[in-house]
PDB file of N, CA and C in Angstrom:
ATOM      1  N   MET A   1     -73.052 101.389-135.785  1.00  0.00           N
ATOM      2  CA  MET A   1     -73.603 101.648-134.465  1.00  0.00           C
ATOM      3  C   MET A   1     -72.564 102.205-133.505  1.00  0.00           C
ATOM      4  N   ILE A   2     -71.320 102.171-133.914  1.00  0.00           N
ATOM      5  CA  ILE A   2     -70.261 102.627-133.033  1.00  0.00           C
ATOM      6  C   ILE A   2     -70.452 104.082-132.623  1.00  0.00           C
ATOM      7  N   GLU A   3     -71.118 104.874-133.456  1.00  0.00           N
ATOM      8  CA  GLU A   3     -71.308 106.288-133.123  1.00  0.00           C
ATOM      9  C   GLU A   3     -72.286 106.502-131.968  1.00  0.00           C
ATOM     10  N   TYR A   4     -73.053 105.490-131.613  1.00  0.00           N
ATOM     11  CA  TYR A   4     -74.033 105.606-130.536  1.00  0.00           C
ATOM     12  C   TYR A   4     -73.562 104.962-129.238  1.00  0.00           C
ATOM     13  N   PHE A   5     -72.341 104.458-129.241  1.00  0.00           N
ATOM     14  CA  PHE A   5     -71.791 103.792-128.068  1.00  0.00           C
ATOM     15  C   PHE A   5     -70.349 104.247-127.867  1.00  0.00           C
ATOM     16  N   SER A   6     -69.907 104.214-126.625  1.00  0.00           N
ATOM     17  CA  SER A   6     -68.499 104.476-126.338  1.00  0.00           C
ATOM     18  C   SER A   6     -67.994 103.354-125.431  1.00  0.00           C
ATOM     19  N   PHE A   7     -66.777 102.918-125.709  1.00  0.00           N
ATOM     20  CA  PHE A   7     -66.214 101.819-124.932  1.00  0.00           C
ATOM     21  C   PHE A   7     -65.733 102.346-123.597  1.00  0.00           C
ATOM     22  N   ASP A   8     -66.230 101.740-122.529  1.00  0.00           N
ATOM     23  CA  ASP A   8     -65.821 102.093-121.177  1.00  0.00           C
ATOM     24  C   ASP A   8     -64.739 101.093-120.761  1.00  0.00           C
ATOM     25  N   HIS A   9     -63.506 101.563-120.706  1.00  0.00           N
ATOM     26  CA  HIS A   9     -62.386 100.670-120.412  1.00  0.00           C
ATOM     27  C   HIS A   9     -62.488 100.083-119.014  1.00  0.00           C
ATOM     28  N   ARG A  10     -63.001 100.822-118.072  1.00  0.00           N
ATOM     29  CA  ARG A  10     -63.148 100.309-116.710  1.00  0.00           C
ATOM     30  C   ARG A  10     -64.134  99.154-116.673  1.00  0.00           C
ATOM     31  N   LEU A  11     -65.276  99.315-117.345  1.00  0.00           N
ATOM     32  CA  LEU A  11     -66.297  98.273-117.334  1.00  0.00           C
ATOM     33  C   LEU A  11     -66.003  97.158-118.333  1.00  0.00           C
ATOM     34  N   GLY A  12     -65.257  97.477-119.367  1.00  0.00           N
ATOM     35  CA  GLY A  12     -64.934  96.481-120.375  1.00  0.00           C
ATOM     36  C   GLY A  12     -66.050  96.235-121.375  1.00  0.00           C
ATOM     37  N   ILE A  13     -66.977  97.185-121.493  1.00  0.00           N
ATOM     38  CA  ILE A  13     -68.087  97.072-122.445  1.00  0.00           C
ATOM     39  C   ILE A  13     -68.337  98.435-123.092  1.00  0.00           C
ATOM     40  N   ALA A  14     -69.036  98.390-124.210  1.00  0.00           N
ATOM     41  CA  ALA A  14     -69.477  99.630-124.850  1.00  0.00           C
ATOM     42  C   ALA A  14     -70.813 100.021-124.236  1.00  0.00           C
ATOM     43  N   ILE A  15     -70.927 101.265-123.825  1.00  0.00           N
ATOM     44  CA  ILE A  15     -72.171 101.738-123.212  1.00  0.00           C
ATOM     45  C   ILE A  15     -72.801 102.799-124.112  1.00  0.00           C
ATOM     46  N   PRO A  16     -74.115 102.952-124.036  1.00  0.00           N
ATOM     47  CA  PRO A  16     -74.782 103.950-124.873  1.00  0.00           C
ATOM     48  C   PRO A  16     -74.226 105.352-124.619  1.00  0.00           C
ATOM     49  N   ASP A  17     -74.047 106.072-125.702  1.00  0.00           N
ATOM     50  CA  ASP A  17     -73.549 107.445-125.633  1.00  0.00           C
ATOM     51  C   ASP A  17     -74.356 108.262-126.642  1.00  0.00           C
ATOM     52  N   LEU A  18     -75.598 108.515-126.283  1.00  0.00           N
ATOM     53  CA  LEU A  18     -76.531 109.173-127.198  1.00  0.00           C
ATOM     54  C   LEU A  18     -76.426 110.686-127.055  1.00  0.00           C
ATOM     55  N   THR A  19     -76.374 111.365-128.181  1.00  0.00           N
ATOM     56  CA  THR A  19     -76.200 112.817-128.173  1.00  0.00           C
ATOM     57  C   THR A  19     -77.520 113.574-128.351  1.00  0.00           C
ATOM     58  N   LYS A  20     -78.585 112.829-128.668  1.00  0.00           N
ATOM     59  CA  LYS A  20     -79.892 113.451-128.861  1.00  0.00           C
ATOM     60  C   LYS A  20     -80.913 112.760-127.959  1.00  0.00           C
ATOM     61  N   GLU A  21     -82.071 113.366-127.854  1.00  0.00           N
ATOM     62  CA  GLU A  21     -83.178 112.724-127.160  1.00  0.00           C
ATOM     63  C   GLU A  21     -83.599 111.486-127.948  1.00  0.00           C
ATOM     64  N   TRP A  22     -84.076 110.471-127.245  1.00  0.00           N
ATOM     65  CA  TRP A  22     -84.436 109.190-127.872  1.00  0.00           C
ATOM     66  C   TRP A  22     -85.410 109.371-129.040  1.00  0.00           C
ATOM     67  N   ASP A  23     -86.412 110.206-128.851  1.00  0.00           N
ATOM     68  CA  ASP A  23     -87.434 110.392-129.881  1.00  0.00           C
ATOM     69  C   ASP A  23     -86.919 111.126-131.123  1.00  0.00           C
ATOM     70  N   GLU A  24     -85.753 111.725-131.038  1.00  0.00           N
ATOM     71  CA  GLU A  24     -85.168 112.414-132.182  1.00  0.00           C
ATOM     72  C   GLU A  24     -84.497 111.443-133.158  1.00  0.00           C
ATOM     73  N   TYR A  25     -84.305 110.199-132.741  1.00  0.00           N
ATOM     74  CA  TYR A  25     -83.724 109.189-133.631  1.00  0.00           C
ATOM     75  C   TYR A  25     -84.847 108.534-134.425  1.00  0.00           C
ATOM     76  N   SER A  26     -84.529 108.139-135.645  1.00  0.00           N
ATOM     77  CA  SER A  26     -85.531 107.446-136.465  1.00  0.00           C
ATOM     78  C   SER A  26     -85.847 106.100-135.815  1.00  0.00           C
ATOM     79  N   LYS A  27     -87.007 105.551-136.152  1.00  0.00           N
ATOM     80  CA  LYS A  27     -87.402 104.246-135.609  1.00  0.00           C
ATOM     81  C   LYS A  27     -86.373 103.181-135.987  1.00  0.00           C
ATOM     82  N   GLU A  28     -85.847 103.263-137.207  1.00  0.00           N
ATOM     83  CA  GLU A  28     -84.835 102.292-137.653  1.00  0.00           C
ATOM     84  C   GLU A  28     -83.573 102.397-136.806  1.00  0.00           C
ATOM     85  N   THR A  29     -83.118 103.624-136.557  1.00  0.00           N
ATOM     86  CA  THR A  29     -81.928 103.829-135.730  1.00  0.00           C
ATOM     87  C   THR A  29     -82.185 103.362-134.307  1.00  0.00           C
ATOM     88  N   GLN A  30     -83.370 103.654-133.772  1.00  0.00           N
ATOM     89  CA  GLN A  30     -83.716 103.181-132.432  1.00  0.00           C
ATOM     90  C   GLN A  30     -83.616 101.666-132.355  1.00  0.00           C
ATOM     91  N   GLN A  31     -84.157 100.972-133.347  1.00  0.00           N
ATOM     92  CA  GLN A  31     -84.113  99.511-133.362  1.00  0.00           C
ATOM     93  C   GLN A  31     -82.675  99.005-133.424  1.00  0.00           C
ATOM     94  N   GLU A  32     -81.845  99.645-134.245  1.00  0.00           N
ATOM     95  CA  GLU A  32     -80.441  99.238-134.347  1.00  0.00           C
ATOM     96  C   GLU A  32     -79.706  99.452-133.027  1.00  0.00           C
ATOM     97  N   ILE A  33     -79.967 100.579-132.382  1.00  0.00           N
ATOM     98  CA  ILE A  33     -79.350 100.862-131.080  1.00  0.00           C
ATOM     99  C   ILE A  33     -79.795  99.818-130.068  1.00  0.00           C
ATOM    100  N   LEU A  34     -81.090  99.539-130.035  1.00  0.00           N
ATOM    101  CA  LEU A  34     -81.618  98.561-129.084  1.00  0.00           C
ATOM    102  C   LEU A  34     -81.031  97.174-129.311  1.00  0.00           C
ATOM    103  N   LEU A  35     -80.919  96.762-130.561  1.00  0.00           N
ATOM    104  CA  LEU A  35     -80.357  95.443-130.853  1.00  0.00           C
ATOM    105  C   LEU A  35     -78.884  95.369-130.459  1.00  0.00           C
ATOM    106  N   THR A  36     -78.145  96.434-130.753  1.00  0.00           N
ATOM    107  CA  THR A  36     -76.730  96.469-130.371  1.00  0.00           C
ATOM    108  C   THR A  36     -76.593  96.434-128.856  1.00  0.00           C
ATOM    109  N   TRP A  37     -77.422  97.211-128.160  1.00  0.00           N
ATOM    110  CA  TRP A  37     -77.363  97.218-126.700  1.00  0.00           C
ATOM    111  C   TRP A  37     -77.730  95.847-126.146  1.00  0.00           C
ATOM    112  N   GLU A  38     -78.730  95.204-126.715  1.00  0.00           N
ATOM    113  CA  GLU A  38     -79.144  93.886-126.228  1.00  0.00           C
ATOM    114  C   GLU A  38     -77.990  92.886-126.339  1.00  0.00           C
ATOM    115  N   GLN A  39     -77.220  92.966-127.403  1.00  0.00           N
ATOM    116  CA  GLN A  39     -76.053  92.082-127.547  1.00  0.00           C
ATOM    117  C   GLN A  39     -75.021  92.384-126.465  1.00  0.00           C
ATOM    118  N   THR A  40     -74.760  93.657-126.237  1.00  0.00           N
ATOM    119  CA  THR A  40     -73.807  94.048-125.194  1.00  0.00           C
ATOM    120  C   THR A  40     -74.323  93.633-123.829  1.00  0.00           C
ATOM    121  N   ARG A  41     -75.582  93.912-123.577  1.00  0.00           N
ATOM    122  CA  ARG A  41     -76.196  93.573-122.293  1.00  0.00           C
ATOM    123  C   ARG A  41     -76.091  92.081-122.028  1.00  0.00           C
ATOM    124  N   GLY A  42     -76.253  91.277-123.070  1.00  0.00           N
ATOM    125  CA  GLY A  42     -76.167  89.829-122.920  1.00  0.00           C
ATOM    126  C   GLY A  42     -74.773  89.358-122.536  1.00  0.00           C
ATOM    127  N   SER A  43     -73.755  90.163-122.819  1.00  0.00           N
ATOM    128  CA  SER A  43     -72.383  89.780-122.475  1.00  0.00           C
ATOM    129  C   SER A  43     -72.002  90.165-121.042  1.00  0.00           C
ATOM    130  N   ILE A  44     -72.820  90.974-120.396  1.00  0.00           N
ATOM    131  CA  ILE A  44     -72.485  91.469-119.054  1.00  0.00           C
ATOM    132  C   ILE A  44     -72.335  90.342-118.038  1.00  0.00           C
ATOM    133  N   PRO A  45     -73.235  89.349-117.962  1.00  0.00           N
ATOM    134  CA  PRO A  45     -73.032  88.285-116.972  1.00  0.00           C
ATOM    135  C   PRO A  45     -71.702  87.536-117.152  1.00  0.00           C
ATOM    136  N   ASP A  46     -71.265  87.325-118.392  1.00  0.00           N
ATOM    137  CA  ASP A  46     -69.973  86.678-118.633  1.00  0.00           C
ATOM    138  C   ASP A  46     -68.827  87.563-118.163  1.00  0.00           C
ATOM    139  N   ARG A  47     -68.947  88.850-118.411  1.00  0.00           N
ATOM    140  CA  ARG A  47     -67.926  89.807-117.951  1.00  0.00           C
ATOM    141  C   ARG A  47     -67.847  89.780-116.425  1.00  0.00           C
ATOM    142  N   ILE A  48     -69.002  89.737-115.775  1.00  0.00           N
ATOM    143  CA  ILE A  48     -69.037  89.686-114.306  1.00  0.00           C
ATOM    144  C   ILE A  48     -68.397  88.393-113.799  1.00  0.00           C
ATOM    145  N   ALA A  49     -68.687  87.281-114.442  1.00  0.00           N
ATOM    146  CA  ALA A  49     -68.103  85.999-114.025  1.00  0.00           C
ATOM    147  C   ALA A  49     -66.578  86.052-114.118  1.00  0.00           C
ATOM    148  N   GLY A  50     -66.060  86.676-115.169  1.00  0.00           N
ATOM    149  CA  GLY A  50     -64.616  86.817-115.305  1.00  0.00           C
ATOM    150  C   GLY A  50     -64.011  87.655-114.188  1.00  0.00           C
ATOM    151  N   LEU A  51     -64.692  88.729-113.830  1.00  0.00           N
ATOM    152  CA  LEU A  51     -64.220  89.583-112.739  1.00  0.00           C
ATOM    153  C   LEU A  51     -64.292  88.851-111.401  1.00  0.00           C
ATOM    154  N   GLU A  52     -65.335  88.047-111.215  1.00  0.00           N
ATOM    155  CA  GLU A  52     -65.445  87.261-109.979  1.00  0.00           C
ATOM    156  C   GLU A  52     -64.296  86.265-109.871  1.00  0.00           C
ATOM    157  N   ASP A  53     -63.892  85.686-111.006  1.00  0.00           N
ATOM    158  CA  ASP A  53     -62.724  84.786-111.008  1.00  0.00           C
ATOM    159  C   ASP A  53     -61.470  85.534-110.585  1.00  0.00           C
ATOM    160  N   GLU A  54     -61.308  86.766-111.085  1.00  0.00           N
ATOM    161  CA  GLU A  54     -60.161  87.586-110.685  1.00  0.00           C
ATOM    162  C   GLU A  54     -60.182  87.861-109.186  1.00  0.00           C
ATOM    163  N   ILE A  55     -61.366  88.166-108.659  1.00  0.00           N
ATOM    164  CA  ILE A  55     -61.491  88.417-107.220  1.00  0.00           C
ATOM    165  C   ILE A  55     -61.097  87.170-106.442  1.00  0.00           C
ATOM    166  N   ASN A  56     -61.585  86.011-106.878  1.00  0.00           N
ATOM    167  CA  ASN A  56     -61.248  84.762-106.179  1.00  0.00           C
ATOM    168  C   ASN A  56     -59.745  84.507-106.190  1.00  0.00           C
ATOM    169  N   ASP A  57     -59.088  84.785-107.329  1.00  0.00           N
ATOM    170  CA  ASP A  57     -57.635  84.619-107.405  1.00  0.00           C
ATOM    171  C   ASP A  57     -56.927  85.556-106.435  1.00  0.00           C
ATOM    172  N   LYS A  58     -57.375  86.803-106.392  1.00  0.00           N
ATOM    173  CA  LYS A  58     -56.746  87.780-105.498  1.00  0.00           C
ATOM    174  C   LYS A  58     -57.004  87.433-104.031  1.00  0.00           C
ATOM    175  N   GLN A  59     -58.192  86.914-103.729  1.00  0.00           N
ATOM    176  CA  GLN A  59     -58.477  86.504-102.356  1.00  0.00           C
ATOM    177  C   GLN A  59     -57.599  85.323-101.946  1.00  0.00           C
ATOM    178  N   ALA A  60     -57.341  84.422-102.884  1.00  0.00           N
ATOM    179  CA  ALA A  60     -56.448  83.299-102.595  1.00  0.00           C
ATOM    180  C   ALA A  60     -55.030  83.813-102.330  1.00  0.00           C
ATOM    181  N   GLN A  61     -54.588  84.781-103.129  1.00  0.00           N
ATOM    182  CA  GLN A  61     -53.274  85.380-102.905  1.00  0.00           C
ATOM    183  C   GLN A  61     -53.220  86.083-101.558  1.00  0.00           C
ATOM    184  N   LEU A  62     -54.318  86.749-101.232  1.00  0.00           N
ATOM    185  CA  LEU A  62     -54.391  87.503 -99.987  1.00  0.00           C
ATOM    186  C   LEU A  62     -54.293  86.583 -98.772  1.00  0.00           C
ATOM    187  N   SER A  63     -54.881  85.409 -98.861  1.00  0.00           N
ATOM    188  CA  SER A  63     -54.874  84.498 -97.711  1.00  0.00           C
ATOM    189  C   SER A  63     -53.463  83.990 -97.406  1.00  0.00           C
ATOM    190  N   ASP A  64     -52.580  84.019 -98.406  1.00  0.00           N
ATOM    191  CA  ASP A  64     -51.206  83.559 -98.208  1.00  0.00           C
ATOM    192  C   ASP A  64     -50.200  84.705 -98.120  1.00  0.00           C
ATOM    193  N   GLU A  65     -50.683  85.921 -98.122  1.00  0.00           N
ATOM    194  CA  GLU A  65     -49.798  87.079 -98.171  1.00  0.00           C
ATOM    195  C   GLU A  65     -49.445  87.553 -96.772  1.00  0.00           C
ATOM    196  N   SER A  66     -48.124  87.689 -96.518  1.00  0.00           N
ATOM    197  CA  SER A  66     -47.678  88.188 -95.216  1.00  0.00           C
ATOM    198  C   SER A  66     -47.101  89.599 -95.315  1.00  0.00           C
ATOM    199  N   ASP A  67     -46.912  90.087 -96.527  1.00  0.00           N
ATOM    200  CA  ASP A  67     -46.390  91.435 -96.745  1.00  0.00           C
ATOM    201  C   ASP A  67     -47.567  92.423 -96.665  1.00  0.00           C
ATOM    202  N   PHE A  68     -47.559  93.266 -95.634  1.00  0.00           N
ATOM    203  CA  PHE A  68     -48.682  94.161 -95.391  1.00  0.00           C
ATOM    204  C   PHE A  68     -48.976  95.104 -96.561  1.00  0.00           C
ATOM    205  N   PRO A  69     -47.975  95.776 -97.129  1.00  0.00           N
ATOM    206  CA  PRO A  69     -48.283  96.659 -98.272  1.00  0.00           C
ATOM    207  C   PRO A  69     -48.906  95.890 -99.447  1.00  0.00           C
ATOM    208  N   ARG A  70     -48.415  94.687 -99.702  1.00  0.00           N
ATOM    209  CA  ARG A  70     -49.000  93.871-100.786  1.00  0.00           C
ATOM    210  C   ARG A  70     -50.429  93.483-100.438  1.00  0.00           C
ATOM    211  N   SER A  71     -50.699  93.171 -99.185  1.00  0.00           N
ATOM    212  CA  SER A  71     -52.069  92.858 -98.749  1.00  0.00           C
ATOM    213  C   SER A  71     -53.000  94.043 -98.982  1.00  0.00           C
ATOM    214  N   CYS A  72     -52.513  95.223 -98.694  1.00  0.00           N
ATOM    215  CA  CYS A  72     -53.313  96.437 -98.912  1.00  0.00           C
ATOM    216  C   CYS A  72     -53.612  96.631-100.397  1.00  0.00           C
ATOM    217  N   ARG A  73     -52.607  96.398-101.250  1.00  0.00           N
ATOM    218  CA  ARG A  73     -52.824  96.518-102.697  1.00  0.00           C
ATOM    219  C   ARG A  73     -53.859  95.500-103.174  1.00  0.00           C
ATOM    220  N   LEU A  74     -53.731  94.271-102.705  1.00  0.00           N
ATOM    221  CA  LEU A  74     -54.692  93.235-103.102  1.00  0.00           C
ATOM    222  C   LEU A  74     -56.105  93.606-102.656  1.00  0.00           C
ATOM    223  N   ASN A  75     -56.231  94.103-101.434  1.00  0.00           N
ATOM    224  CA  ASN A  75     -57.551  94.536-100.949  1.00  0.00           C
ATOM    225  C   ASN A  75     -58.124  95.653-101.808  1.00  0.00           C
ATOM    226  N   SER A  76     -57.282  96.598-102.196  1.00  0.00           N
ATOM    227  CA  SER A  76     -57.739  97.697-103.054  1.00  0.00           C
ATOM    228  C   SER A  76     -58.170  97.176-104.420  1.00  0.00           C
ATOM    229  N   GLU A  77     -57.402  96.245-104.972  1.00  0.00           N
ATOM    230  CA  GLU A  77     -57.754  95.665-106.270  1.00  0.00           C
ATOM    231  C   GLU A  77     -59.070  94.891-106.186  1.00  0.00           C
ATOM    232  N   ILE A  78     -59.257  94.165-105.120  1.00  0.00           N
ATOM    233  CA  ILE A  78     -60.509  93.423-104.913  1.00  0.00           C
ATOM    234  C   ILE A  78     -61.682  94.394-104.810  1.00  0.00           C
ATOM    235  N   ALA A  79     -61.497  95.474-104.068  1.00  0.00           N
ATOM    236  CA  ALA A  79     -62.562  96.474-103.916  1.00  0.00           C
ATOM    237  C   ALA A  79     -62.902  97.112-105.261  1.00  0.00           C
ATOM    238  N   GLU A  80     -61.893  97.397-106.075  1.00  0.00           N
ATOM    239  CA  GLU A  80     -62.140  97.990-107.397  1.00  0.00           C
ATOM    240  C   GLU A  80     -62.893  97.015-108.296  1.00  0.00           C
ATOM    241  N   LEU A  81     -62.505  95.754-108.286  1.00  0.00           N
ATOM    242  CA  LEU A  81     -63.205  94.748-109.092  1.00  0.00           C
ATOM    243  C   LEU A  81     -64.655  94.613-108.640  1.00  0.00           C
ATOM    244  N   ALA A  82     -64.875  94.635-107.333  1.00  0.00           N
ATOM    245  CA  ALA A  82     -66.239  94.552-106.813  1.00  0.00           C
ATOM    246  C   ALA A  82     -67.054  95.771-107.233  1.00  0.00           C
ATOM    247  N   SER A  83     -66.429  96.931-107.272  1.00  0.00           N
ATOM    248  CA  SER A  83     -67.106  98.150-107.715  1.00  0.00           C
ATOM    249  C   SER A  83     -67.492  98.045-109.187  1.00  0.00           C
ATOM    250  N   ILE A  84     -66.610  97.494-110.001  1.00  0.00           N
ATOM    251  CA  ILE A  84     -66.905  97.309-111.421  1.00  0.00           C
ATOM    252  C   ILE A  84     -68.084  96.359-111.586  1.00  0.00           C
ATOM    253  N   ILE A  85     -68.080  95.268-110.818  1.00  0.00           N
ATOM    254  CA  ILE A  85     -69.189  94.311-110.876  1.00  0.00           C
ATOM    255  C   ILE A  85     -70.499  95.002-110.517  1.00  0.00           C
ATOM    256  N   ASN A  86     -70.485  95.807-109.470  1.00  0.00           N
ATOM    257  CA  ASN A  86     -71.689  96.531-109.063  1.00  0.00           C
ATOM    258  C   ASN A  86     -72.187  97.436-110.190  1.00  0.00           C
ATOM    259  N   ASP A  87     -71.275  98.168-110.814  1.00  0.00           N
ATOM    260  CA  ASP A  87     -71.665  99.062-111.911  1.00  0.00           C
ATOM    261  C   ASP A  87     -72.206  98.282-113.103  1.00  0.00           C
ATOM    262  N   LEU A  88     -71.601  97.135-113.410  1.00  0.00           N
ATOM    263  CA  LEU A  88     -72.110  96.312-114.505  1.00  0.00           C
ATOM    264  C   LEU A  88     -73.519  95.812-114.214  1.00  0.00           C
ATOM    265  N   TRP A  89     -73.768  95.381-112.978  1.00  0.00           N
ATOM    266  CA  TRP A  89     -75.129  94.942-112.627  1.00  0.00           C
ATOM    267  C   TRP A  89     -76.121  96.092-112.750  1.00  0.00           C
ATOM    268  N   LEU A  90     -75.698  97.296-112.389  1.00  0.00           N
ATOM    269  CA  LEU A  90     -76.581  98.460-112.546  1.00  0.00           C
ATOM    270  C   LEU A  90     -76.940  98.670-114.006  1.00  0.00           C
ATOM    271  N   TRP A  91     -75.947  98.597-114.901  1.00  0.00           N
ATOM    272  CA  TRP A  91     -76.223  98.728-116.331  1.00  0.00           C
ATOM    273  C   TRP A  91     -77.140  97.605-116.806  1.00  0.00           C
ATOM    274  N   TYR A  92     -76.873  96.416-116.334  1.00  0.00           N
ATOM    275  CA  TYR A  92     -77.668  95.258-116.760  1.00  0.00           C
ATOM    276  C   TYR A  92     -79.130  95.395-116.332  1.00  0.00           C
ATOM    277  N   ARG A  93     -79.343  95.776-115.077  1.00  0.00           N
ATOM    278  CA  ARG A  93     -80.707  95.860-114.535  1.00  0.00           C
ATOM    279  C   ARG A  93     -81.434  97.122-114.966  1.00  0.00           C
ATOM    280  N   ALA A  94     -80.735  98.223-115.021  1.00  0.00           N
ATOM    281  CA  ALA A  94     -81.375  99.499-115.362  1.00  0.00           C
ATOM    282  C   ALA A  94     -81.911  99.490-116.779  1.00  0.00           C
ATOM    283  N   ASN A  95     -81.382  98.653-117.600  1.00  0.00           N
ATOM    284  CA  ASN A  95     -81.774  98.650-118.999  1.00  0.00           C
ATOM    285  C   ASN A  95     -82.617  97.442-119.378  1.00  0.00           C
ATOM    286  N   GLN A  96     -83.215  96.773-118.399  1.00  0.00           N
ATOM    287  CA  GLN A  96     -84.100  95.658-118.717  1.00  0.00           C
ATOM    288  C   GLN A  96     -85.315  96.124-119.496  1.00  0.00           C
ATOM    289  N   SER A  97     -85.782  97.314-119.206  1.00  0.00           N
ATOM    290  CA  SER A  97     -86.933  97.839-119.937  1.00  0.00           C
ATOM    291  C   SER A  97     -86.573  98.092-121.394  1.00  0.00           C
ATOM    292  N   VAL A  98     -85.337  98.429-121.657  1.00  0.00           N
ATOM    293  CA  VAL A  98     -84.887  98.613-123.024  1.00  0.00           C
ATOM    294  C   VAL A  98     -84.991  97.294-123.773  1.00  0.00           C
ATOM    295  N   SER A  99     -84.631  96.205-123.110  1.00  0.00           N
ATOM    296  CA  SER A  99     -84.663  94.901-123.745  1.00  0.00           C
ATOM    297  C   SER A  99     -86.061  94.522-124.195  1.00  0.00           C
ATOM    298  N   SER A 100     -87.051  94.909-123.430  1.00  0.00           N
ATOM    299  CA  SER A 100     -88.424  94.571-123.825  1.00  0.00           C
ATOM    300  C   SER A 100     -88.833  95.318-125.087  1.00  0.00           C
ATOM    301  N   LYS A 101     -88.261  96.504-125.307  1.00  0.00           N
ATOM    302  CA  LYS A 101     -88.569  97.269-126.525  1.00  0.00           C
ATOM    303  C   LYS A 101     -88.036  96.552-127.776  1.00  0.00           C
ATOM    304  N   VAL A 102     -86.927  95.840-127.621  1.00  0.00           N
ATOM    305  CA  VAL A 102     -86.340  95.133-128.748  1.00  0.00           C
ATOM    306  C   VAL A 102     -87.314  94.095-129.283  1.00  0.00           C
ATOM    307  N   HIS A 103     -88.058  93.474-128.383  1.00  0.00           N
ATOM    308  CA  HIS A 103     -88.927  92.369-128.764  1.00  0.00           C
ATOM    309  C   HIS A 103     -90.344  92.797-129.127  1.00  0.00           C
ATOM    310  N   GLN A 104     -90.579  94.094-129.118  1.00  0.00           N
ATOM    311  CA  GLN A 104     -91.939  94.571-129.464  1.00  0.00           C
ATOM    312  C   GLN A 104     -92.086  94.778-130.947  1.00  0.00           C
TER     313      GLN A 104
END
């Protein structure tokens, strides 16, 4: 199934990378893709929880930080982590309809 997914280093998950229209894949391949995606999709909330822990750690560091340039870096890192979380939720929610196909 690796040929139908590419690992997104920023998001920390493999995302679908389909080169053909969905209907051009055999039913068996579609089912395999859907099952693989469902497993990945199921890991997204855990990935988000880990990123939220990182944000909390950085916010704790920020509250004790008196060095302005370091504070700016921490704020930027927090913003990037929040952006990743937002993108992960988009992948998670946008593909809920895909999950229902797995169970049909």
